[in-house]
C-alpha atoms as a PDB file:
ATOM      1  CA  UNK A   1     128.768 104.878  88.351  1.00  0.00           C
ATOM      2  CA  UNK A   2     126.955 107.767  86.909  1.00  0.00           C
ATOM      3  CA  UNK A   3     128.171 111.323  87.915  1.00  0.00           C
ATOM      4  CA  UNK A   4     125.601 113.673  89.392  1.00  0.00           C
ATOM      5  CA  UNK A   5     123.043 110.724  89.490  1.00  0.00           C
ATOM      6  CA  UNK A   6     120.143 111.681  91.610  1.00  0.00           C
ATOM      7  CA  UNK A   7     116.707 110.013  90.654  1.00  0.00           C
ATOM      8  CA  UNK A   8     116.042 108.027  87.553  1.00  0.00           C
ATOM      9  CA  UNK A   9     112.704 107.030  85.992  1.00  0.00           C
ATOM     10  CA  UNK A  10     111.758 103.862  84.262  1.00  0.00           C
ATOM     11  CA  UNK A  11     108.297 103.268  82.469  1.00  0.00           C
ATOM     12  CA  UNK A  12     107.584  99.586  82.296  1.00  0.00           C
ATOM     13  CA  UNK A  13     104.540  98.131  80.317  1.00  0.00           C
ATOM     14  CA  UNK A  14     103.229  95.379  82.644  1.00  0.00           C
ATOM     15  CA  UNK A  15      99.925  93.190  82.695  1.00  0.00           C
ATOM     16  CA  UNK A  16      98.647  95.861  85.417  1.00  0.00           C
ATOM     17  CA  UNK A  17      99.431  98.719  83.033  1.00  0.00           C
ATOM     18  CA  UNK A  18     102.222 101.253  83.023  1.00  0.00           C
ATOM     19  CA  UNK A  19     104.576 100.885  86.383  1.00  0.00           C
ATOM     20  CA  UNK A  20     106.856 103.861  87.252  1.00  0.00           C
ATOM     21  CA  UNK A  21     110.022 103.127  88.738  1.00  0.00           C
ATOM     22  CA  UNK A  22     112.049 105.717  90.490  1.00  0.00           C
ATOM     23  CA  UNK A  23     115.560 104.570  91.468  1.00  0.00           C
ATOM     24  CA  UNK A  24     118.888 105.849  92.582  1.00  0.00           C
ATOM     25  CA  UNK A  25     122.322 104.521  92.401  1.00  0.00           C
ATOM     26  CA  UNK A  26     121.636 102.821  95.658  1.00  0.00           C
ATOM     27  CA  UNK A  27     118.434 100.771  94.892  1.00  0.00           C
ATOM     28  CA  UNK A  28     114.862 101.233  94.047  1.00  0.00           C
ATOM     29  CA  UNK A  29     113.113 104.454  95.619  1.00  0.00           C
ATOM     30  CA  UNK A  30     109.581 104.217  94.624  1.00  0.00           C
ATOM     31  CA  UNK A  31     107.022 102.345  92.462  1.00  0.00           C
ATOM     32  CA  UNK A  32     103.903 104.122  91.081  1.00  0.00           C
ATOM     33  CA  UNK A  33     101.094 101.837  89.747  1.00  0.00           C
ATOM     34  CA  UNK A  34      98.613 102.768  87.067  1.00  0.00           C
ATOM     35  CA  UNK A  35      95.400 103.570  88.699  1.00  0.00           C
ATOM     36  CA  UNK A  36      93.852 104.229  85.102  1.00  0.00           C
ATOM     37  CA  UNK A  37      94.306 100.512  84.329  1.00  0.00           C
ATOM     38  CA  UNK A  38      91.916  99.468  87.246  1.00  0.00           C
ATOM     39  CA  UNK A  39      89.064  99.099  84.723  1.00  0.00           C
ATOM     40  CA  UNK A  40      91.033  97.542  81.833  1.00  0.00           C
ATOM     41  CA  UNK A  41      89.074  94.488  80.549  1.00  0.00           C
ATOM     42  CA  UNK A  42      91.925  92.193  81.333  1.00  0.00           C
ATOM     43  CA  UNK A  43      92.024  93.253  84.822  1.00  0.00           C
ATOM     44  CA  UNK A  44      88.276  92.971  85.239  1.00  0.00           C
ATOM     45  CA  UNK A  45      88.125  89.436  83.540  1.00  0.00           C
ATOM     46  CA  UNK A  46      91.078  88.355  85.266  1.00  0.00           C
ATOM     47  CA  UNK A  47      93.083  87.650  81.929  1.00  0.00           C
ATOM     48  CA  UNK A  48      96.494  86.230  82.776  1.00  0.00           C
ATOM     49  CA  UNK A  49      97.697  85.080  79.194  1.00  0.00           C
ATOM     50  CA  UNK A  50     100.147  88.305  78.721  1.00  0.00           C
ATOM     51  CA  UNK A  51     102.674  88.352  81.311  1.00  0.00           C
ATOM     52  CA  UNK A  52     105.293  90.408  79.356  1.00  0.00           C
ATOM     53  CA  UNK A  53     106.973  93.578  80.874  1.00  0.00           C
ATOM     54  CA  UNK A  54     108.580  95.893  78.397  1.00  0.00           C
ATOM     55  CA  UNK A  55     110.519  98.852  78.888  1.00  0.00           C
ATOM     56  CA  UNK A  56     108.800 102.123  77.474  1.00  0.00           C
ATOM     57  CA  UNK A  57     111.448 104.615  78.285  1.00  0.00           C
ATOM     58  CA  UNK A  58     113.950 105.662  80.840  1.00  0.00           C
ATOM     59  CA  UNK A  59     115.686 109.078  81.533  1.00  0.00           C
ATOM     60  CA  UNK A  60     118.997 107.737  82.079  1.00  0.00           C
ATOM     61  CA  UNK A  61     121.170 104.719  81.253  1.00  0.00           C
ATOM     62  CA  UNK A  62     119.738 101.660  83.034  1.00  0.00           C
ATOM     63  CA  UNK A  63     122.040 100.804  85.991  1.00  0.00           C
ATOM     64  CA  UNK A  64     122.770  97.195  87.176  1.00  0.00           C
ATOM     65  CA  UNK A  65     120.383  97.788  90.299  1.00  0.00           C
ATOM     66  CA  UNK A  66     117.658  98.719  87.882  1.00  0.00           C
ATOM     67  CA  UNK A  67     118.302  95.903  85.502  1.00  0.00           C
ATOM     68  CA  UNK A  68     117.813  93.576  88.591  1.00  0.00           C
ATOM     69  CA  UNK A  69     114.503  95.095  89.607  1.00  0.00           C
ATOM     70  CA  UNK A  70     113.180  94.816  85.729  1.00  0.00           C
ATOM     71  CA  UNK A  71     114.320  91.071  85.863  1.00  0.00           C
ATOM     72  CA  UNK A  72     112.515  90.740  89.399  1.00  0.00           C
ATOM     73  CA  UNK A  73     109.406  92.313  87.908  1.00  0.00           C
ATOM     74  CA  UNK A  74     109.537  90.235  84.896  1.00  0.00           C
ATOM     75  CA  UNK A  75     109.881  87.149  86.919  1.00  0.00           C
ATOM     76  CA  UNK A  76     106.932  88.503  89.245  1.00  0.00           C
ATOM     77  CA  UNK A  77     104.473  88.305  86.236  1.00  0.00           C
ATOM     78  CA  UNK A  78     106.265  85.303  84.491  1.00  0.00           C
ATOM     79  CA  UNK A  79     107.980  82.982  87.011  1.00  0.00           C
ATOM     80  CA  UNK A  80     109.374  80.825  84.430  1.00  0.00           C
ATOM     81  CA  UNK A  81     112.039  83.066  84.142  1.00  0.00           C
ATOM     82  CA  UNK A  82     113.400  81.922  87.639  1.00  0.00           C
ATOM     83  CA  UNK A  83     114.882  85.000  89.109  1.00  0.00           C
ATOM     84  CA  UNK A  84     115.544  84.255  92.680  1.00  0.00           C
ATOM     85  CA  UNK A  85     117.030  87.589  94.133  1.00  0.00           C
ATOM     86  CA  UNK A  86     115.336  90.635  95.477  1.00  0.00           C
ATOM     87  CA  UNK A  87     116.119  94.170  94.087  1.00  0.00           C
ATOM     88  CA  UNK A  88     117.969  96.497  96.545  1.00  0.00           C
ATOM     89  CA  UNK A  89     115.645  98.840  98.278  1.00  0.00           C
ATOM     90  CA  UNK A  90     116.658 102.859  98.762  1.00  0.00           C
ATOM     91  CA  UNK A  91     113.534 103.752 100.629  1.00  0.00           C
ATOM     92  CA  UNK A  92     113.716 105.819 104.014  1.00  0.00           C
ATOM     93  CA  UNK A  93     110.002 104.873 104.840  1.00  0.00           C
ATOM     94  CA  UNK A  94     110.817 101.213 104.764  1.00  0.00           C
ATOM     95  CA  UNK A  95     114.199 101.369 106.300  1.00  0.00           C
ATOM     96  CA  UNK A  96     113.050 103.793 109.098  1.00  0.00           C
ATOM     97  CA  UNK A  97     113.153 102.415 112.628  1.00  0.00           C
ATOM     98  CA  UNK A  98     109.382 103.192 113.378  1.00  0.00           C
ATOM     99  CA  UNK A  99     106.101 101.265 113.235  1.00  0.00           C
ATOM    100  CA  UNK A 100     105.596 102.059 109.577  1.00  0.00           C
ATOM    101  CA  UNK A 101     108.930 100.746 108.709  1.00  0.00           C
ATOM    102  CA  UNK A 102     108.264  97.677 111.037  1.00  0.00           C
ATOM    103  CA  UNK A 103     104.880  96.839 109.227  1.00  0.00           C
ATOM    104  CA  UNK A 104     106.454  97.106 105.827  1.00  0.00           C
ATOM    105  CA  UNK A 105     109.514  95.166 106.526  1.00  0.00           C
ATOM    106  CA  UNK A 106     107.209  92.338 108.410  1.00  0.00           C
ATOM    107  CA  UNK A 107     104.896  92.118 105.257  1.00  0.00           C
ATOM    108  CA  UNK A 108     107.837  91.889 102.990  1.00  0.00           C
ATOM    109  CA  UNK A 109     109.378  89.270 104.700  1.00  0.00           C
ATOM    110  CA  UNK A 110     106.659  87.432 106.252  1.00  0.00           C
ATOM    111  CA  UNK A 111     104.070  86.781 103.469  1.00  0.00           C
ATOM    112  CA  UNK A 112     104.449  84.580 100.556  1.00  0.00           C
ATOM    113  CA  UNK A 113     102.974  84.815  97.194  1.00  0.00           C
ATOM    114  CA  UNK A 114      99.405  83.485  97.059  1.00  0.00           C
ATOM    115  CA  UNK A 115      98.745  84.169 100.613  1.00  0.00           C
ATOM    116  CA  UNK A 116      97.005  87.128 102.461  1.00  0.00           C
ATOM    117  CA  UNK A 117      97.370  88.533 105.868  1.00  0.00           C
ATOM    118  CA  UNK A 118      94.445  90.672 107.459  1.00  0.00           C
ATOM    119  CA  UNK A 119      95.351  94.133 108.834  1.00  0.00           C
ATOM    120  CA  UNK A 120      94.624  92.802 112.324  1.00  0.00           C
ATOM    121  CA  UNK A 121      97.059  89.832 111.520  1.00  0.00           C
ATOM    122  CA  UNK A 122      99.745  92.085 110.173  1.00  0.00           C
ATOM    123  CA  UNK A 123      99.451  94.312 113.474  1.00  0.00           C
ATOM    124  CA  UNK A 124      99.904  91.082 115.548  1.00  0.00           C
ATOM    125  CA  UNK A 125     102.873  90.158 113.709  1.00  0.00           C
ATOM    126  CA  UNK A 126     104.313  93.352 114.457  1.00  0.00           C
ATOM    127  CA  UNK A 127     103.742  92.967 118.224  1.00  0.00           C
ATOM    128  CA  UNK A 128     100.784  95.473 118.220  1.00  0.00           C
ATOM    129  CA  UNK A 129      97.705  93.633 117.872  1.00  0.00           C
ATOM    130  CA  UNK A 130      95.378  96.528 118.233  1.00  0.00           C
ATOM    131  CA  UNK A 131      97.231  98.662 115.626  1.00  0.00           C
ATOM    132  CA  UNK A 132      94.954  97.685 112.926  1.00  0.00           C
ATOM    133  CA  UNK A 133      94.540 101.332 111.777  1.00  0.00           C
ATOM    134  CA  UNK A 134      98.245 102.097 112.016  1.00  0.00           C
ATOM    135  CA  UNK A 135      98.713  99.321 109.685  1.00  0.00           C
ATOM    136  CA  UNK A 136      96.407 100.522 107.191  1.00  0.00           C
ATOM    137  CA  UNK A 137      98.142 103.957 107.358  1.00  0.00           C
ATOM    138  CA  UNK A 138     101.624 101.984 106.737  1.00  0.00           C
ATOM    139  CA  UNK A 139      99.921 100.361 103.824  1.00  0.00           C
ATOM    140  CA  UNK A 140      98.760 103.783 102.507  1.00  0.00           C
ATOM    141  CA  UNK A 141     102.487 105.219 102.881  1.00  0.00           C
ATOM    142  CA  UNK A 142     104.190 102.116 101.067  1.00  0.00           C
ATOM    143  CA  UNK A 143     106.272 103.479  98.380  1.00  0.00           C
ATOM    144  CA  UNK A 144     107.002 100.187  96.862  1.00  0.00           C
ATOM    145  CA  UNK A 145     103.910  98.231  96.025  1.00  0.00           C
ATOM    146  CA  UNK A 146     104.513  94.776  94.430  1.00  0.00           C
ATOM    147  CA  UNK A 147     107.901  94.837  96.091  1.00  0.00           C
ATOM    148  CA  UNK A 148     106.487  95.462  99.485  1.00  0.00           C
ATOM    149  CA  UNK A 149     103.191  93.396  98.736  1.00  0.00           C
ATOM    150  CA  UNK A 150     100.547  95.443 100.313  1.00  0.00           C
ATOM    151  CA  UNK A 151      98.152  93.927  97.905  1.00  0.00           C
ATOM    152  CA  UNK A 152      98.384  90.789 100.204  1.00  0.00           C
ATOM    153  CA  UNK A 153      96.754  92.701 102.993  1.00  0.00           C
ATOM    154  CA  UNK A 154      92.966  92.529 103.364  1.00  0.00           C
ATOM    155  CA  UNK A 155      90.244  93.099 105.920  1.00  0.00           C
ATOM    156  CA  UNK A 156      89.351  90.794 108.431  1.00  0.00           C
ATOM    157  CA  UNK A 157      86.140  90.000 106.843  1.00  0.00           C
ATOM    158  CA  UNK A 158      88.038  88.825 103.757  1.00  0.00           C
ATOM    159  CA  UNK A 159      87.105  92.065 101.725  1.00  0.00           C
ATOM    160  CA  UNK A 160      90.012  93.790  99.783  1.00  0.00           C
ATOM    161  CA  UNK A 161      90.155  96.986 101.565  1.00  0.00           C
ATOM    162  CA  UNK A 162      90.978 100.150  99.800  1.00  0.00           C
ATOM    163  CA  UNK A 163      94.148  99.339  97.523  1.00  0.00           C
ATOM    164  CA  UNK A 164      95.654 102.599  95.909  1.00  0.00           C
ATOM    165  CA  UNK A 165      92.985 104.535  97.967  1.00  0.00           C
ATOM    166  CA  UNK A 166      90.166 102.620  96.561  1.00  0.00           C
ATOM    167  CA  UNK A 167      91.209 103.364  92.829  1.00  0.00           C
ATOM    168  CA  UNK A 168      93.113  99.997  92.485  1.00  0.00           C
ATOM    169  CA  UNK A 169      90.855  97.369  94.007  1.00  0.00           C
ATOM    170  CA  UNK A 170      90.511  95.513  90.729  1.00  0.00           C
ATOM    171  CA  UNK A 171      94.269  95.479  90.371  1.00  0.00           C
ATOM    172  CA  UNK A 172      94.548  94.073  93.769  1.00  0.00           C
ATOM    173  CA  UNK A 173      92.246  91.280  92.931  1.00  0.00           C
ATOM    174  CA  UNK A 174      93.884  90.496  89.720  1.00  0.00           C
ATOM    175  CA  UNK A 175      97.352  90.406  91.778  1.00  0.00           C
ATOM    176  CA  UNK A 176      95.771  88.207  94.424  1.00  0.00           C
ATOM    177  CA  UNK A 177      94.459  85.831  91.686  1.00  0.00           C
ATOM    178  CA  UNK A 178      97.660  85.855  89.764  1.00  0.00           C
ATOM    179  CA  UNK A 179      99.769  84.954  92.712  1.00  0.00           C
ATOM    180  CA  UNK A 180      97.393  82.249  93.755  1.00  0.00           C
ATOM    181  CA  UNK A 181      97.484  80.597  90.255  1.00  0.00           C
ATOM    182  CA  UNK A 182     101.105  80.802  90.231  1.00  0.00           C
ATOM    183  CA  UNK A 183     101.457  79.300  93.990  1.00  0.00           C
ATOM    184  CA  UNK A 184      99.157  76.256  92.970  1.00  0.00           C
ATOM    185  CA  UNK A 185     101.237  75.700  89.629  1.00  0.00           C
END
């Protein structure tokens, strides 16, 4: 265990741009996706040939829990690695005993790669079928995209919604297509 350990950061180069991970000694705290990558040609053309994940930098020694997350995200993009564990989450928002926490946990536990659920469908899964807008707010508050797969939540009419406040819709389309391809493989 690292003394005086508070928050560590790791930058990863991924098929969807640079992903910044914040973690504590307890687990993964937050994931930031690269909004600037939304208009990258590989995202726009839905190119899936380079699924490598590389560590760009980190500000403290990488802990076992961070290594587990890195293995998980490598497997997310290249499932031939066959990692079957989920990283430990250290997020008050996800763990909280309120509607947002319920929505995020339900999404994480009840949607599978290659599938989608509407905001209304997720509200219904949470026992509040009229709470579509609250589900949208929960998606916006999600600190752990990919791990809590908010990219799988779409509008009832099939449109993507506003991933990363509308600045990541191409990334969302790429993620959905990537998971669909992998689930059909």
